PDB file of N, CA and C in Angstrom:
ATOM      1  N   UNK A   1      14.782  27.812-282.713  1.00  0.00           N
ATOM      2  CA  UNK A   1      14.197  26.880-281.766  1.00  0.00           C
ATOM      3  C   UNK A   1      14.870  25.511-281.868  1.00  0.00           C
ATOM      4  N   UNK A   2      15.109  25.078-283.096  1.00  0.00           N
ATOM      5  CA  UNK A   2      15.727  23.776-283.292  1.00  0.00           C
ATOM      6  C   UNK A   2      17.154  23.783-282.761  1.00  0.00           C
ATOM      7  N   UNK A   3      17.876  24.864-283.054  1.00  0.00           N
ATOM      8  CA  UNK A   3      19.251  24.984-282.565  1.00  0.00           C
ATOM      9  C   UNK A   3      19.304  25.042-281.049  1.00  0.00           C
ATOM     10  N   UNK A   4      18.321  25.710-280.447  1.00  0.00           N
ATOM     11  CA  UNK A   4      18.260  25.793-278.991  1.00  0.00           C
ATOM     12  C   UNK A   4      18.022  24.417-278.377  1.00  0.00           C
ATOM     13  N   UNK A   5      17.130  23.640-278.963  1.00  0.00           N
ATOM     14  CA  UNK A   5      16.857  22.286-278.464  1.00  0.00           C
ATOM     15  C   UNK A   5      18.075  21.379-278.617  1.00  0.00           C
ATOM     16  N   UNK A   6      18.740  21.461-279.757  1.00  0.00           N
ATOM     17  CA  UNK A   6      19.940  20.639-279.960  1.00  0.00           C
ATOM     18  C   UNK A   6      21.057  21.058-279.013  1.00  0.00           C
ATOM     19  N   UNK A   7      21.195  22.367-278.804  1.00  0.00           N
ATOM     20  CA  UNK A   7      22.193  22.863-277.859  1.00  0.00           C
ATOM     21  C   UNK A   7      21.906  22.397-276.445  1.00  0.00           C
ATOM     22  N   UNK A   8      20.620  22.418-276.052  1.00  0.00           N
ATOM     23  CA  UNK A   8      20.240  21.927-274.724  1.00  0.00           C
ATOM     24  C   UNK A   8      20.575  20.453-274.577  1.00  0.00           C
ATOM     25  N   UNK A   9      20.279  19.661-275.610  1.00  0.00           N
ATOM     26  CA  UNK A   9      20.556  18.222-275.545  1.00  0.00           C
ATOM     27  C   UNK A   9      22.047  17.968-275.390  1.00  0.00           C
ATOM     28  N   UNK A  10      22.853  18.702-276.141  1.00  0.00           N
ATOM     29  CA  UNK A  10      24.309  18.525-276.051  1.00  0.00           C
ATOM     30  C   UNK A  10      24.817  18.985-274.690  1.00  0.00           C
ATOM     31  N   UNK A  11      24.321  20.125-274.215  1.00  0.00           N
ATOM     32  CA  UNK A  11      24.770  20.647-272.925  1.00  0.00           C
ATOM     33  C   UNK A  11      24.354  19.719-271.784  1.00  0.00           C
ATOM     34  N   UNK A  12      23.130  19.206-271.823  1.00  0.00           N
ATOM     35  CA  UNK A  12      22.650  18.311-270.767  1.00  0.00           C
ATOM     36  C   UNK A  12      23.474  17.026-270.728  1.00  0.00           C
ATOM     37  N   UNK A  13      23.761  16.478-271.895  1.00  0.00           N
ATOM     38  CA  UNK A  13      24.587  15.282-271.970  1.00  0.00           C
ATOM     39  C   UNK A  13      25.992  15.570-271.455  1.00  0.00           C
ATOM     40  N   UNK A  14      26.525  16.729-271.794  1.00  0.00           N
ATOM     41  CA  UNK A  14      27.843  17.118-271.301  1.00  0.00           C
ATOM     42  C   UNK A  14      27.892  17.247-269.793  1.00  0.00           C
ATOM     43  N   UNK A  15      26.848  17.815-269.215  1.00  0.00           N
ATOM     44  CA  UNK A  15      26.784  17.937-267.756  1.00  0.00           C
ATOM     45  C   UNK A  15      26.738  16.557-267.109  1.00  0.00           C
ATOM     46  N   UNK A  16      25.944  15.660-267.656  1.00  0.00           N
ATOM     47  CA  UNK A  16      25.863  14.312-267.088  1.00  0.00           C
ATOM     48  C   UNK A  16      27.190  13.574-267.202  1.00  0.00           C
ATOM     49  N   UNK A  17      27.871  13.715-268.327  1.00  0.00           N
ATOM     50  CA  UNK A  17      29.182  13.075-268.474  1.00  0.00           C
ATOM     51  C   UNK A  17      30.206  13.679-267.521  1.00  0.00           C
ATOM     52  N   UNK A  18      30.110  14.977-267.281  1.00  0.00           N
ATOM     53  CA  UNK A  18      31.000  15.626-266.320  1.00  0.00           C
ATOM     54  C   UNK A  18      30.751  15.105-264.907  1.00  0.00           C
ATOM     55  N   UNK A  19      29.496  14.909-264.547  1.00  0.00           N
ATOM     56  CA  UNK A  19      29.170  14.372-263.228  1.00  0.00           C
ATOM     57  C   UNK A  19      29.711  12.959-263.072  1.00  0.00           C
ATOM     58  N   UNK A  20      29.599  12.148-264.121  1.00  0.00           N
ATOM     59  CA  UNK A  20      30.135  10.789-264.065  1.00  0.00           C
ATOM     60  C   UNK A  20      31.659  10.827-263.925  1.00  0.00           C
ATOM     61  N   UNK A  21      32.306  11.722-264.661  1.00  0.00           N
ATOM     62  CA  UNK A  21      33.765  11.838-264.562  1.00  0.00           C
ATOM     63  C   UNK A  21      34.189  12.298-263.169  1.00  0.00           C
ATOM     64  N   UNK A  22      33.462  13.231-262.588  1.00  0.00           N
ATOM     65  CA  UNK A  22      33.776  13.697-261.230  1.00  0.00           C
ATOM     66  C   UNK A  22      33.570  12.569-260.221  1.00  0.00           C
ATOM     67  N   UNK A  23      32.520  11.770-260.417  1.00  0.00           N
ATOM     68  CA  UNK A  23      32.307  10.653-259.497  1.00  0.00           C
ATOM     69  C   UNK A  23      33.428   9.626-259.625  1.00  0.00           C
ATOM     70  N   UNK A  24      33.911   9.401-260.848  1.00  0.00           N
ATOM     71  CA  UNK A  24      35.027   8.464-261.023  1.00  0.00           C
ATOM     72  C   UNK A  24      36.278   8.992-260.333  1.00  0.00           C
ATOM     73  N   UNK A  25      36.516  10.299-260.430  1.00  0.00           N
ATOM     74  CA  UNK A  25      37.668  10.879-259.728  1.00  0.00           C
ATOM     75  C   UNK A  25      37.511  10.743-258.214  1.00  0.00           C
ATOM     76  N   UNK A  26      36.279  10.860-257.739  1.00  0.00           N
ATOM     77  CA  UNK A  26      36.029  10.645-256.315  1.00  0.00           C
ATOM     78  C   UNK A  26      36.303   9.210-255.903  1.00  0.00           C
ATOM     79  N   UNK A  27      35.910   8.269-256.762  1.00  0.00           N
ATOM     80  CA  UNK A  27      36.215   6.866-256.476  1.00  0.00           C
ATOM     81  C   UNK A  27      37.715   6.631-256.456  1.00  0.00           C
ATOM     82  N   UNK A  28      38.439   7.292-257.364  1.00  0.00           N
ATOM     83  CA  UNK A  28      39.895   7.137-257.415  1.00  0.00           C
ATOM     84  C   UNK A  28      40.561   7.704-256.158  1.00  0.00           C
ATOM     85  N   UNK A  29      40.044   8.820-255.660  1.00  0.00           N
ATOM     86  CA  UNK A  29      40.649   9.441-254.475  1.00  0.00           C
ATOM     87  C   UNK A  29      40.445   8.597-253.220  1.00  0.00           C
ATOM     88  N   UNK A  30      39.319   7.913-253.132  1.00  0.00           N
ATOM     89  CA  UNK A  30      39.014   7.157-251.919  1.00  0.00           C
ATOM     90  C   UNK A  30      39.424   5.692-251.999  1.00  0.00           C
ATOM     91  N   UNK A  31      39.916   5.246-253.157  1.00  0.00           N
ATOM     92  CA  UNK A  31      40.304   3.848-253.323  1.00  0.00           C
ATOM     93  C   UNK A  31      41.817   3.703-253.238  1.00  0.00           C
ATOM     94  N   UNK A  32      42.234   2.483-252.928  1.00  0.00           N
ATOM     95  CA  UNK A  32      43.666   2.202-252.839  1.00  0.00           C
ATOM     96  C   UNK A  32      44.285   1.881-254.191  1.00  0.00           C
ATOM     97  N   UNK A  33      43.488   1.372-255.134  1.00  0.00           N
ATOM     98  CA  UNK A  33      44.033   0.995-256.434  1.00  0.00           C
ATOM     99  C   UNK A  33      43.006   1.280-257.531  1.00  0.00           C
ATOM    100  N   UNK A  34      43.470   1.218-258.763  1.00  0.00           N
ATOM    101  CA  UNK A  34      42.595   1.441-259.905  1.00  0.00           C
ATOM    102  C   UNK A  34      41.534   0.350-260.006  1.00  0.00           C
ATOM    103  N   UNK A  35      41.923  -0.881-259.737  1.00  0.00           N
ATOM    104  CA  UNK A  35      40.952  -1.978-259.833  1.00  0.00           C
ATOM    105  C   UNK A  35      39.846  -1.838-258.786  1.00  0.00           C
ATOM    106  N   UNK A  36      40.203  -1.373-257.595  1.00  0.00           N
ATOM    107  CA  UNK A  36      39.184  -1.155-256.564  1.00  0.00           C
ATOM    108  C   UNK A  36      38.236  -0.019-256.971  1.00  0.00           C
ATOM    109  N   UNK A  37      38.791   1.036-257.556  1.00  0.00           N
ATOM    110  CA  UNK A  37      37.958   2.152-258.014  1.00  0.00           C
ATOM    111  C   UNK A  37      37.018   1.709-259.127  1.00  0.00           C
ATOM    112  N   UNK A  38      37.522   0.923-260.067  1.00  0.00           N
ATOM    113  CA  UNK A  38      36.668   0.418-261.137  1.00  0.00           C
ATOM    114  C   UNK A  38      35.583  -0.507-260.606  1.00  0.00           C
ATOM    115  N   UNK A  39      35.927  -1.340-259.631  1.00  0.00           N
ATOM    116  CA  UNK A  39      34.939  -2.239-259.046  1.00  0.00           C
ATOM    117  C   UNK A  39      33.839  -1.443-258.341  1.00  0.00           C
ATOM    118  N   UNK A  40      34.218  -0.388-257.627  1.00  0.00           N
ATOM    119  CA  UNK A  40      33.222   0.447-256.953  1.00  0.00           C
ATOM    120  C   UNK A  40      32.337   1.164-257.956  1.00  0.00           C
ATOM    121  N   UNK A  41      32.928   1.607-259.062  1.00  0.00           N
ATOM    122  CA  UNK A  41      32.139   2.284-260.084  1.00  0.00           C
ATOM    123  C   UNK A  41      31.184   1.310-260.764  1.00  0.00           C
ATOM    124  N   UNK A  42      31.653   0.098-261.049  1.00  0.00           N
ATOM    125  CA  UNK A  42      30.787  -0.910-261.651  1.00  0.00           C
ATOM    126  C   UNK A  42      29.632  -1.249-260.718  1.00  0.00           C
ATOM    127  N   UNK A  43      29.916  -1.346-259.429  1.00  0.00           N
ATOM    128  CA  UNK A  43      28.867  -1.625-258.455  1.00  0.00           C
ATOM    129  C   UNK A  43      27.866  -0.478-258.377  1.00  0.00           C
ATOM    130  N   UNK A  44      28.351   0.750-258.439  1.00  0.00           N
ATOM    131  CA  UNK A  44      27.473   1.910-258.340  1.00  0.00           C
ATOM    132  C   UNK A  44      26.586   2.050-259.571  1.00  0.00           C
ATOM    133  N   UNK A  45      27.162   1.884-260.753  1.00  0.00           N
ATOM    134  CA  UNK A  45      26.423   2.058-261.999  1.00  0.00           C
ATOM    135  C   UNK A  45      25.939   0.737-262.579  1.00  0.00           C
ATOM    136  N   UNK A  46      25.638  -0.229-261.743  1.00  0.00           N
ATOM    137  CA  UNK A  46      25.159  -1.540-262.168  1.00  0.00           C
ATOM    138  C   UNK A  46      23.819  -1.400-262.893  1.00  0.00           C
ATOM    139  N   UNK A  47      23.708  -1.855-264.147  1.00  0.00           N
ATOM    140  CA  UNK A  47      22.456  -1.695-264.875  1.00  0.00           C
ATOM    141  C   UNK A  47      21.334  -2.588-264.356  1.00  0.00           C
ATOM    142  N   UNK A  48      21.640  -3.560-263.511  1.00  0.00           N
ATOM    143  CA  UNK A  48      20.605  -4.442-262.990  1.00  0.00           C
ATOM    144  C   UNK A  48      20.010  -3.930-261.687  1.00  0.00           C
ATOM    145  N   UNK A  49      20.513  -2.809-261.193  1.00  0.00           N
ATOM    146  CA  UNK A  49      19.924  -2.156-260.033  1.00  0.00           C
ATOM    147  C   UNK A  49      18.744  -1.319-260.522  1.00  0.00           C
ATOM    148  N   UNK A  50      17.553  -1.654-260.099  1.00  0.00           N
ATOM    149  CA  UNK A  50      16.352  -1.002-260.606  1.00  0.00           C
ATOM    150  C   UNK A  50      16.345   0.486-260.291  1.00  0.00           C
ATOM    151  N   UNK A  51      16.667   0.853-259.060  1.00  0.00           N
ATOM    152  CA  UNK A  51      16.652   2.257-258.677  1.00  0.00           C
ATOM    153  C   UNK A  51      17.673   3.053-259.497  1.00  0.00           C
ATOM    154  N   UNK A  52      18.846   2.496-259.697  1.00  0.00           N
ATOM    155  CA  UNK A  52      19.879   3.181-260.470  1.00  0.00           C
ATOM    156  C   UNK A  52      19.464   3.327-261.929  1.00  0.00           C
ATOM    157  N   UNK A  53      18.870   2.299-262.512  1.00  0.00           N
ATOM    158  CA  UNK A  53      18.439   2.356-263.896  1.00  0.00           C
ATOM    159  C   UNK A  53      17.354   3.413-264.086  1.00  0.00           C
ATOM    160  N   UNK A  54      16.405   3.470-263.173  1.00  0.00           N
ATOM    161  CA  UNK A  54      15.344   4.481-263.249  1.00  0.00           C
ATOM    162  C   UNK A  54      15.942   5.880-263.116  1.00  0.00           C
ATOM    163  N   UNK A  55      16.871   6.066-262.195  1.00  0.00           N
ATOM    164  CA  UNK A  55      17.506   7.368-262.012  1.00  0.00           C
ATOM    165  C   UNK A  55      18.257   7.795-263.265  1.00  0.00           C
ATOM    166  N   UNK A  56      19.005   6.898-263.867  1.00  0.00           N
ATOM    167  CA  UNK A  56      19.751   7.228-265.084  1.00  0.00           C
ATOM    168  C   UNK A  56      18.786   7.585-266.210  1.00  0.00           C
ATOM    169  N   UNK A  57      17.715   6.831-266.369  1.00  0.00           N
ATOM    170  CA  UNK A  57      16.732   7.140-267.409  1.00  0.00           C
ATOM    171  C   UNK A  57      16.082   8.502-267.186  1.00  0.00           C
ATOM    172  N   UNK A  58      15.744   8.813-265.946  1.00  0.00           N
ATOM    173  CA  UNK A  58      15.125  10.112-265.644  1.00  0.00           C
ATOM    174  C   UNK A  58      16.099  11.251-265.926  1.00  0.00           C
ATOM    175  N   UNK A  59      17.375  11.044-265.644  1.00  0.00           N
ATOM    176  CA  UNK A  59      18.355  12.099-265.876  1.00  0.00           C
ATOM    177  C   UNK A  59      18.704  12.270-267.347  1.00  0.00           C
ATOM    178  N   UNK A  60      18.655  11.201-268.141  1.00  0.00           N
ATOM    179  CA  UNK A  60      19.023  11.269-269.550  1.00  0.00           C
ATOM    180  C   UNK A  60      17.820  11.621-270.431  1.00  0.00           C
ATOM    181  N   UNK A  61      16.609  11.400-269.942  1.00  0.00           N
ATOM    182  CA  UNK A  61      15.403  11.606-270.735  1.00  0.00           C
ATOM    183  C   UNK A  61      15.252  13.029-271.280  1.00  0.00           C
ATOM    184  N   UNK A  62      15.563  14.097-270.535  1.00  0.00           N
ATOM    185  CA  UNK A  62      15.430  15.437-271.130  1.00  0.00           C
ATOM    186  C   UNK A  62      16.306  15.639-272.368  1.00  0.00           C
ATOM    187  N   UNK A  63      17.503  15.087-272.365  1.00  0.00           N
ATOM    188  CA  UNK A  63      18.378  15.222-273.539  1.00  0.00           C
ATOM    189  C   UNK A  63      17.811  14.457-274.733  1.00  0.00           C
ATOM    190  N   UNK A  64      17.339  13.240-274.498  1.00  0.00           N
ATOM    191  CA  UNK A  64      16.737  12.467-275.581  1.00  0.00           C
ATOM    192  C   UNK A  64      15.469  13.144-276.095  1.00  0.00           C
ATOM    193  N   UNK A  65      14.656  13.659-275.187  1.00  0.00           N
ATOM    194  CA  UNK A  65      13.416  14.336-275.583  1.00  0.00           C
ATOM    195  C   UNK A  65      13.681  15.586-276.398  1.00  0.00           C
ATOM    196  N   UNK A  66      14.646  16.392-275.971  1.00  0.00           N
ATOM    197  CA  UNK A  66      14.974  17.613-276.717  1.00  0.00           C
ATOM    198  C   UNK A  66      15.522  17.274-278.098  1.00  0.00           C
ATOM    199  N   UNK A  67      16.350  16.251-278.175  1.00  0.00           N
ATOM    200  CA  UNK A  67      16.902  15.838-279.470  1.00  0.00           C
ATOM    201  C   UNK A  67      15.799  15.316-280.391  1.00  0.00           C
ATOM    202  N   UNK A  68      14.903  14.516-279.856  1.00  0.00           N
ATOM    203  CA  UNK A  68      13.809  13.979-280.671  1.00  0.00           C
ATOM    204  C   UNK A  68      12.869  15.091-281.126  1.00  0.00           C
ATOM    205  N   UNK A  69      12.581  16.047-280.249  1.00  0.00           N
ATOM    206  CA  UNK A  69      11.724  17.165-280.626  1.00  0.00           C
ATOM    207  C   UNK A  69      12.391  18.033-281.687  1.00  0.00           C
ATOM    208  N   UNK A  70      13.688  18.262-281.571  1.00  0.00           N
ATOM    209  CA  UNK A  70      14.404  19.044-282.583  1.00  0.00           C
ATOM    210  C   UNK A  70      14.352  18.339-283.935  1.00  0.00           C
ATOM    211  N   UNK A  71      14.544  17.030-283.953  1.00  0.00           N
ATOM    212  CA  UNK A  71      14.458  16.276-285.205  1.00  0.00           C
ATOM    213  C   UNK A  71      13.056  16.337-285.793  1.00  0.00           C
ATOM    214  N   UNK A  72      12.072  16.243-284.924  1.00  0.00           N
ATOM    215  CA  UNK A  72      10.673  16.289-285.375  1.00  0.00           C
ATOM    216  C   UNK A  72      10.339  17.659-285.965  1.00  0.00           C
ATOM    217  N   UNK A  73      10.799  18.717-285.318  1.00  0.00           N
ATOM    218  CA  UNK A  73      10.552  20.062-285.837  1.00  0.00           C
ATOM    219  C   UNK A  73      11.308  20.304-287.137  1.00  0.00           C
ATOM    220  N   UNK A  74      12.498  19.741-287.263  1.00  0.00           N
ATOM    221  CA  UNK A  74      13.298  19.918-288.479  1.00  0.00           C
ATOM    222  C   UNK A  74      12.641  19.229-289.675  1.00  0.00           C
ATOM    223  N   UNK A  75      12.098  18.034-289.451  1.00  0.00           N
ATOM    224  CA  UNK A  75      11.489  17.273-290.546  1.00  0.00           C
ATOM    225  C   UNK A  75      10.102  17.781-290.909  1.00  0.00           C
ATOM    226  N   UNK A  76       9.437  18.465-289.987  1.00  0.00           N
ATOM    227  CA  UNK A  76       8.097  18.968-290.252  1.00  0.00           C
ATOM    228  C   UNK A  76       7.040  17.937-289.923  1.00  0.00           C
ATOM    229  N   UNK A  77       5.790  18.286-290.147  1.00  0.00           N
ATOM    230  CA  UNK A  77       4.702  17.350-289.808  1.00  0.00           C
ATOM    231  C   UNK A  77       4.699  16.139-290.720  1.00  0.00           C
ATOM    232  N   UNK A  78       4.222  15.037-290.167  1.00  0.00           N
ATOM    233  CA  UNK A  78       4.105  13.805-290.959  1.00  0.00           C
ATOM    234  C   UNK A  78       2.933  13.937-291.922  1.00  0.00           C
ATOM    235  N   UNK A  79       3.061  13.287-293.060  1.00  0.00           N
ATOM    236  CA  UNK A  79       1.974  13.352-294.056  1.00  0.00           C
ATOM    237  C   UNK A  79       1.452  11.985-294.344  1.00  0.00           C
TER     238      UNK A  79
END
């Protein structure tokens, strides 16, 4: 069970990083230069955008939750 939770956390994080990499490649294909692509990516993933921050937290939360649950199960109950 612990290995399954840790594997899920790693796989979920990997999928999210792959999506970010694919989006960066999309920005590169539609931009004229590297600086323009980076500027578009910075604008898209701006941490001060409330909707974007909430979306990122919702997407990353399952990986953090699975990792925390695996650690909790590994350590056993608190005494």
